[in-house]
Amino acid sequence: MAIDYVAIGLRIKIARLKLKMTQEALANQVKLSTVYISNIETGNARMSLAVIIKIANALSVSVDELLCDNVQHSFPVYNKEAQEIFSQCSNHDIRILVDVLKATKDTLERNLKHS
């Protein structure tokens, strides 16, 4: 299985932006160069486990949150993300999103039966 470094980088960038933190501030906190942080966020750099842990700690997120697109058993992370999305929605928005999710799930199930 190939590791999706682009997905990891995007999650790092999103977590950093949620904190209103610059790449430079993150780089200083984890003692890496700003260029390296930029390359991580764009998926152009490979990082060690130690670097992922440093970044997760600096951003106050779990390593699971950064790696969930690469791990098969990531339900808690996706569940948390869905709860965050729903918590920012009106009742009307939630009803629409649930309808979209139901339709998507029905389509997925139909496609599984036909494959």
N, C-alpha and C. Protein backbone atom coordinates (compact mmCIF):
# COMPACT_ATOMS: atom_id res chain seq x y z
N MET A 1 0.84 -1.18 0.00
CA MET A 1 0.00 0.00 0.00
C MET A 1 0.89 1.25 0.00
N ALA A 2 0.59 2.13 -0.91
CA ALA A 2 1.33 3.39 -0.99
C ALA A 2 0.77 4.39 0.02
N ILE A 3 1.64 5.16 0.61
CA ILE A 3 1.22 6.19 1.56
C ILE A 3 0.85 7.43 0.79
N ASP A 4 -0.30 8.00 1.11
CA ASP A 4 -0.80 9.20 0.43
C ASP A 4 -0.28 10.43 1.18
N TYR A 5 0.90 10.88 0.79
CA TYR A 5 1.52 12.04 1.45
C TYR A 5 0.78 13.34 1.15
N VAL A 6 0.10 13.39 0.02
CA VAL A 6 -0.69 14.59 -0.31
C VAL A 6 -1.83 14.74 0.70
N ALA A 7 -2.52 13.64 1.02
CA ALA A 7 -3.61 13.67 1.99
C ALA A 7 -3.09 14.06 3.37
N ILE A 8 -1.96 13.51 3.76
CA ILE A 8 -1.37 13.85 5.07
C ILE A 8 -1.03 15.34 5.10
N GLY A 9 -0.40 15.82 4.04
CA GLY A 9 -0.03 17.23 3.97
C GLY A 9 -1.23 18.15 4.04
N LEU A 10 -2.30 17.76 3.36
CA LEU A 10 -3.52 18.58 3.38
C LEU A 10 -4.11 18.63 4.78
N ARG A 11 -4.11 17.50 5.48
CA ARG A 11 -4.64 17.49 6.85
C ARG A 11 -3.77 18.35 7.78
N ILE A 12 -2.46 18.32 7.56
CA ILE A 12 -1.56 19.18 8.36
C ILE A 12 -1.89 20.64 8.08
N LYS A 13 -2.04 20.99 6.82
CA LYS A 13 -2.34 22.37 6.45
C LYS A 13 -3.67 22.82 7.06
N ILE A 14 -4.70 21.98 6.96
CA ILE A 14 -6.01 22.33 7.52
C ILE A 14 -5.92 22.54 9.03
N ALA A 15 -5.22 21.65 9.72
CA ALA A 15 -5.06 21.79 11.18
C ALA A 15 -4.31 23.07 11.52
N ARG A 16 -3.29 23.38 10.74
CA ARG A 16 -2.50 24.61 10.97
C ARG A 16 -3.36 25.84 10.76
N LEU A 17 -4.13 25.85 9.66
CA LEU A 17 -4.97 27.00 9.36
C LEU A 17 -6.09 27.19 10.39
N LYS A 18 -6.61 26.09 10.93
CA LYS A 18 -7.63 26.19 11.98
C LYS A 18 -7.08 26.94 13.20
N LEU A 19 -5.78 26.80 13.43
CA LEU A 19 -5.13 27.50 14.54
C LEU A 19 -4.65 28.89 14.15
N LYS A 20 -4.90 29.27 12.89
CA LYS A 20 -4.42 30.55 12.36
C LYS A 20 -2.90 30.66 12.52
N MET A 21 -2.23 29.56 12.26
CA MET A 21 -0.78 29.49 12.40
C MET A 21 -0.14 29.54 11.01
N THR A 22 0.95 30.26 10.90
CA THR A 22 1.67 30.31 9.63
C THR A 22 2.59 29.09 9.51
N GLN A 23 3.02 28.83 8.28
CA GLN A 23 4.00 27.76 8.08
C GLN A 23 5.27 28.06 8.85
N GLU A 24 5.66 29.32 8.88
CA GLU A 24 6.86 29.72 9.59
C GLU A 24 6.74 29.44 11.09
N ALA A 25 5.58 29.76 11.66
CA ALA A 25 5.38 29.51 13.09
C ALA A 25 5.43 28.02 13.40
N LEU A 26 4.80 27.21 12.55
CA LEU A 26 4.85 25.76 12.74
C LEU A 26 6.28 25.26 12.61
N ALA A 27 6.97 25.73 11.59
CA ALA A 27 8.37 25.32 11.37
C ALA A 27 9.23 25.65 12.59
N ASN A 28 9.07 26.84 13.12
CA ASN A 28 9.84 27.23 14.31
C ASN A 28 9.52 26.34 15.51
N GLN A 29 8.24 26.02 15.66
CA GLN A 29 7.82 25.23 16.81
C GLN A 29 8.38 23.80 16.75
N VAL A 30 8.46 23.23 15.55
CA VAL A 30 8.94 21.85 15.42
C VAL A 30 10.40 21.78 14.99
N LYS A 31 11.02 22.95 14.89
CA LYS A 31 12.44 23.06 14.54
C LYS A 31 12.77 22.44 13.18
N LEU A 32 11.96 22.84 12.18
CA LEU A 32 12.18 22.44 10.79
C LEU A 32 12.16 23.69 9.94
N SER A 33 12.58 23.59 8.70
CA SER A 33 12.56 24.76 7.83
C SER A 33 11.15 25.01 7.30
N THR A 34 10.88 26.26 6.99
CA THR A 34 9.59 26.63 6.40
C THR A 34 9.42 25.95 5.05
N VAL A 35 10.48 25.84 4.29
CA VAL A 35 10.42 25.17 2.98
C VAL A 35 10.02 23.70 3.16
N TYR A 36 10.57 23.04 4.17
CA TYR A 36 10.22 21.64 4.43
C TYR A 36 8.75 21.51 4.82
N ILE A 37 8.27 22.41 5.66
CA ILE A 37 6.84 22.39 6.03
C ILE A 37 5.98 22.59 4.79
N SER A 38 6.35 23.52 3.93
CA SER A 38 5.62 23.75 2.69
C SER A 38 5.60 22.49 1.83
N ASN A 39 6.75 21.82 1.73
CA ASN A 39 6.82 20.59 0.94
C ASN A 39 6.01 19.46 1.56
N ILE A 40 5.96 19.41 2.88
CA ILE A 40 5.11 18.42 3.55
C ILE A 40 3.65 18.68 3.22
N GLU A 41 3.23 19.93 3.33
CA GLU A 41 1.83 20.28 3.11
C GLU A 41 1.38 20.04 1.66
N THR A 42 2.30 20.08 0.73
CA THR A 42 1.93 19.84 -0.67
C THR A 42 2.15 18.38 -1.06
N GLY A 43 2.64 17.57 -0.13
CA GLY A 43 2.86 16.16 -0.42
C GLY A 43 4.15 15.89 -1.17
N ASN A 44 5.02 16.89 -1.24
CA ASN A 44 6.28 16.75 -1.96
C ASN A 44 7.44 16.31 -1.09
N ALA A 45 7.18 16.06 0.18
CA ALA A 45 8.24 15.61 1.08
C ALA A 45 7.74 14.41 1.88
N ARG A 46 8.61 13.50 2.12
CA ARG A 46 8.34 12.35 2.97
C ARG A 46 8.85 12.71 4.36
N MET A 47 8.11 12.29 5.37
CA MET A 47 8.55 12.63 6.72
C MET A 47 8.63 11.38 7.57
N SER A 48 9.46 11.45 8.57
CA SER A 48 9.61 10.33 9.50
C SER A 48 8.46 10.34 10.49
N LEU A 49 8.33 9.23 11.20
CA LEU A 49 7.32 9.15 12.25
C LEU A 49 7.57 10.21 13.31
N ALA A 50 8.84 10.45 13.63
CA ALA A 50 9.18 11.47 14.64
C ALA A 50 8.68 12.85 14.21
N VAL A 51 8.82 13.17 12.93
CA VAL A 51 8.36 14.48 12.43
C VAL A 51 6.84 14.55 12.48
N ILE A 52 6.16 13.48 12.10
CA ILE A 52 4.69 13.48 12.15
C ILE A 52 4.21 13.71 13.58
N ILE A 53 4.86 13.06 14.53
CA ILE A 53 4.49 13.23 15.94
C ILE A 53 4.74 14.66 16.41
N LYS A 54 5.90 15.24 16.05
CA LYS A 54 6.18 16.63 16.41
C LYS A 54 5.11 17.57 15.86
N ILE A 55 4.76 17.36 14.60
CA ILE A 55 3.76 18.23 13.96
C ILE A 55 2.40 18.05 14.63
N ALA A 56 2.01 16.80 14.89
CA ALA A 56 0.72 16.54 15.55
C ALA A 56 0.68 17.23 16.91
N ASN A 57 1.74 17.13 17.68
CA ASN A 57 1.79 17.77 18.99
C ASN A 57 1.71 19.29 18.87
N ALA A 58 2.43 19.85 17.90
CA ALA A 58 2.43 21.30 17.71
C ALA A 58 1.05 21.82 17.31
N LEU A 59 0.31 20.98 16.57
CA LEU A 59 -1.02 21.39 16.09
C LEU A 59 -2.15 20.93 17.02
N SER A 60 -1.80 20.27 18.10
CA SER A 60 -2.78 19.75 19.07
C SER A 60 -3.81 18.84 18.41
N VAL A 61 -3.33 17.96 17.55
CA VAL A 61 -4.18 16.95 16.91
C VAL A 61 -3.54 15.59 17.15
N SER A 62 -4.32 14.54 16.96
CA SER A 62 -3.75 13.20 17.09
C SER A 62 -3.08 12.80 15.77
N VAL A 63 -2.15 11.90 15.87
CA VAL A 63 -1.52 11.36 14.67
C VAL A 63 -2.58 10.67 13.82
N ASP A 64 -3.58 10.06 14.46
CA ASP A 64 -4.69 9.43 13.74
C ASP A 64 -5.36 10.42 12.80
N GLU A 65 -5.56 11.64 13.28
CA GLU A 65 -6.22 12.65 12.45
C GLU A 65 -5.40 12.98 11.21
N LEU A 66 -4.09 12.96 11.34
CA LEU A 66 -3.22 13.27 10.20
C LEU A 66 -3.11 12.11 9.23
N LEU A 67 -3.21 10.89 9.75
CA LEU A 67 -2.99 9.70 8.92
C LEU A 67 -4.27 8.98 8.50
N CYS A 68 -5.43 9.46 8.91
CA CYS A 68 -6.66 8.69 8.74
C CYS A 68 -6.98 8.33 7.29
N ASP A 69 -6.52 9.11 6.33
CA ASP A 69 -6.79 8.78 4.93
C ASP A 69 -5.96 7.58 4.47
N ASN A 70 -4.98 7.20 5.26
CA ASN A 70 -4.10 6.09 4.92
C ASN A 70 -4.36 4.84 5.76
N VAL A 71 -5.25 4.95 6.73
CA VAL A 71 -5.52 3.85 7.66
C VAL A 71 -6.94 3.34 7.43
N GLN A 72 -7.09 2.02 7.39
CA GLN A 72 -8.40 1.45 7.10
C GLN A 72 -9.41 1.62 8.22
N HIS A 73 -8.97 1.63 9.45
CA HIS A 73 -9.89 1.70 10.59
C HIS A 73 -9.84 3.09 11.22
N SER A 74 -10.42 4.05 10.53
CA SER A 74 -10.37 5.45 10.97
C SER A 74 -11.75 6.01 11.31
N PHE A 75 -12.69 5.15 11.63
CA PHE A 75 -14.05 5.61 11.91
C PHE A 75 -14.10 6.73 12.95
N PRO A 76 -13.38 6.64 14.08
CA PRO A 76 -13.48 7.72 15.08
C PRO A 76 -13.10 9.09 14.52
N VAL A 77 -12.10 9.12 13.66
CA VAL A 77 -11.67 10.40 13.09
C VAL A 77 -12.76 10.96 12.17
N TYR A 78 -13.27 10.11 11.28
CA TYR A 78 -14.31 10.58 10.36
C TYR A 78 -15.60 10.94 11.10
N ASN A 79 -15.91 10.19 12.15
CA ASN A 79 -17.09 10.49 12.96
C ASN A 79 -16.95 11.87 13.61
N LYS A 80 -15.76 12.16 14.14
CA LYS A 80 -15.50 13.48 14.75
C LYS A 80 -15.65 14.59 13.70
N GLU A 81 -15.10 14.36 12.51
CA GLU A 81 -15.20 15.37 11.45
C GLU A 81 -16.66 15.62 11.06
N ALA A 82 -17.44 14.55 10.97
CA ALA A 82 -18.85 14.70 10.62
C ALA A 82 -19.58 15.48 11.71
N GLN A 83 -19.29 15.19 12.97
CA GLN A 83 -19.92 15.91 14.07
C GLN A 83 -19.56 17.39 14.02
N GLU A 84 -18.30 17.70 13.69
CA GLU A 84 -17.89 19.11 13.58
C GLU A 84 -18.65 19.81 12.46
N ILE A 85 -18.81 19.13 11.34
CA ILE A 85 -19.56 19.71 10.22
C ILE A 85 -21.00 19.96 10.63
N PHE A 86 -21.64 18.95 11.22
CA PHE A 86 -23.05 19.09 11.60
C PHE A 86 -23.23 20.16 12.68
N SER A 87 -22.26 20.32 13.57
CA SER A 87 -22.40 21.31 14.64
C SER A 87 -22.42 22.74 14.11
N GLN A 88 -21.94 22.93 12.88
CA GLN A 88 -21.90 24.26 12.28
C GLN A 88 -23.07 24.51 11.33
N CYS A 89 -24.03 23.58 11.31
CA CYS A 89 -25.14 23.66 10.36
C CYS A 89 -26.46 24.00 11.04
N SER A 90 -27.32 24.62 10.27
CA SER A 90 -28.70 24.83 10.74
C SER A 90 -29.46 23.52 10.60
N ASN A 91 -30.64 23.45 11.18
CA ASN A 91 -31.48 22.25 11.05
C ASN A 91 -31.78 21.97 9.58
N HIS A 92 -32.04 23.01 8.82
CA HIS A 92 -32.32 22.86 7.40
C HIS A 92 -31.10 22.28 6.66
N ASP A 93 -29.91 22.81 6.97
CA ASP A 93 -28.68 22.30 6.35
C ASP A 93 -28.47 20.83 6.69
N ILE A 94 -28.71 20.47 7.94
CA ILE A 94 -28.52 19.07 8.37
C ILE A 94 -29.46 18.15 7.60
N ARG A 95 -30.70 18.57 7.45
CA ARG A 95 -31.68 17.75 6.72
C ARG A 95 -31.21 17.51 5.29
N ILE A 96 -30.69 18.55 4.65
CA ILE A 96 -30.19 18.41 3.27
C ILE A 96 -28.98 17.49 3.23
N LEU A 97 -28.05 17.68 4.15
CA LEU A 97 -26.86 16.83 4.17
C LEU A 97 -27.21 15.36 4.42
N VAL A 98 -28.14 15.11 5.30
CA VAL A 98 -28.56 13.73 5.56
C VAL A 98 -29.21 13.13 4.31
N ASP A 99 -30.02 13.91 3.62
CA ASP A 99 -30.62 13.43 2.37
C ASP A 99 -29.54 13.08 1.34
N VAL A 100 -28.54 13.93 1.23
CA VAL A 100 -27.43 13.67 0.29
C VAL A 100 -26.67 12.41 0.71
N LEU A 101 -26.42 12.26 2.00
CA LEU A 101 -25.72 11.06 2.48
C LEU A 101 -26.52 9.79 2.19
N LYS A 102 -27.82 9.84 2.43
CA LYS A 102 -28.67 8.67 2.16
C LYS A 102 -28.63 8.32 0.67
N ALA A 103 -28.76 9.32 -0.19
CA ALA A 103 -28.74 9.07 -1.63
C ALA A 103 -27.39 8.50 -2.06
N THR A 104 -26.33 9.03 -1.50
CA THR A 104 -24.99 8.54 -1.83
C THR A 104 -24.82 7.10 -1.37
N LYS A 105 -25.26 6.80 -0.17
CA LYS A 105 -25.16 5.43 0.35
C LYS A 105 -25.98 4.47 -0.50
N ASP A 106 -27.18 4.86 -0.89
CA ASP A 106 -28.01 4.01 -1.76
C ASP A 106 -27.30 3.73 -3.08
N THR A 107 -26.68 4.75 -3.65
CA THR A 107 -25.95 4.58 -4.92
C THR A 107 -24.77 3.64 -4.72
N LEU A 108 -24.03 3.79 -3.65
CA LEU A 108 -22.91 2.90 -3.36
C LEU A 108 -23.37 1.45 -3.24
N GLU A 109 -24.47 1.24 -2.52
CA GLU A 109 -24.99 -0.11 -2.34
C GLU A 109 -25.45 -0.72 -3.65
N ARG A 110 -26.11 0.09 -4.50
CA ARG A 110 -26.55 -0.41 -5.81
C ARG A 110 -25.34 -0.80 -6.67
N ASN A 111 -24.30 0.02 -6.64
CA ASN A 111 -23.10 -0.27 -7.44
C ASN A 111 -22.38 -1.52 -6.92
N LEU A 112 -22.40 -1.75 -5.61
CA LEU A 112 -21.78 -2.95 -5.07
C LEU A 112 -22.50 -4.21 -5.53
N LYS A 113 -23.84 -4.13 -5.61
CA LYS A 113 -24.63 -5.28 -6.04
C LYS A 113 -24.38 -5.60 -7.51
N HIS A 114 -24.03 -4.59 -8.31
CA HIS A 114 -23.85 -4.79 -9.74
C HIS A 114 -22.40 -5.13 -10.11
N SER A 115 -21.49 -5.08 -9.12
CA SER A 115 -20.10 -5.37 -9.47
C SER A 115 -19.70 -6.78 -9.19
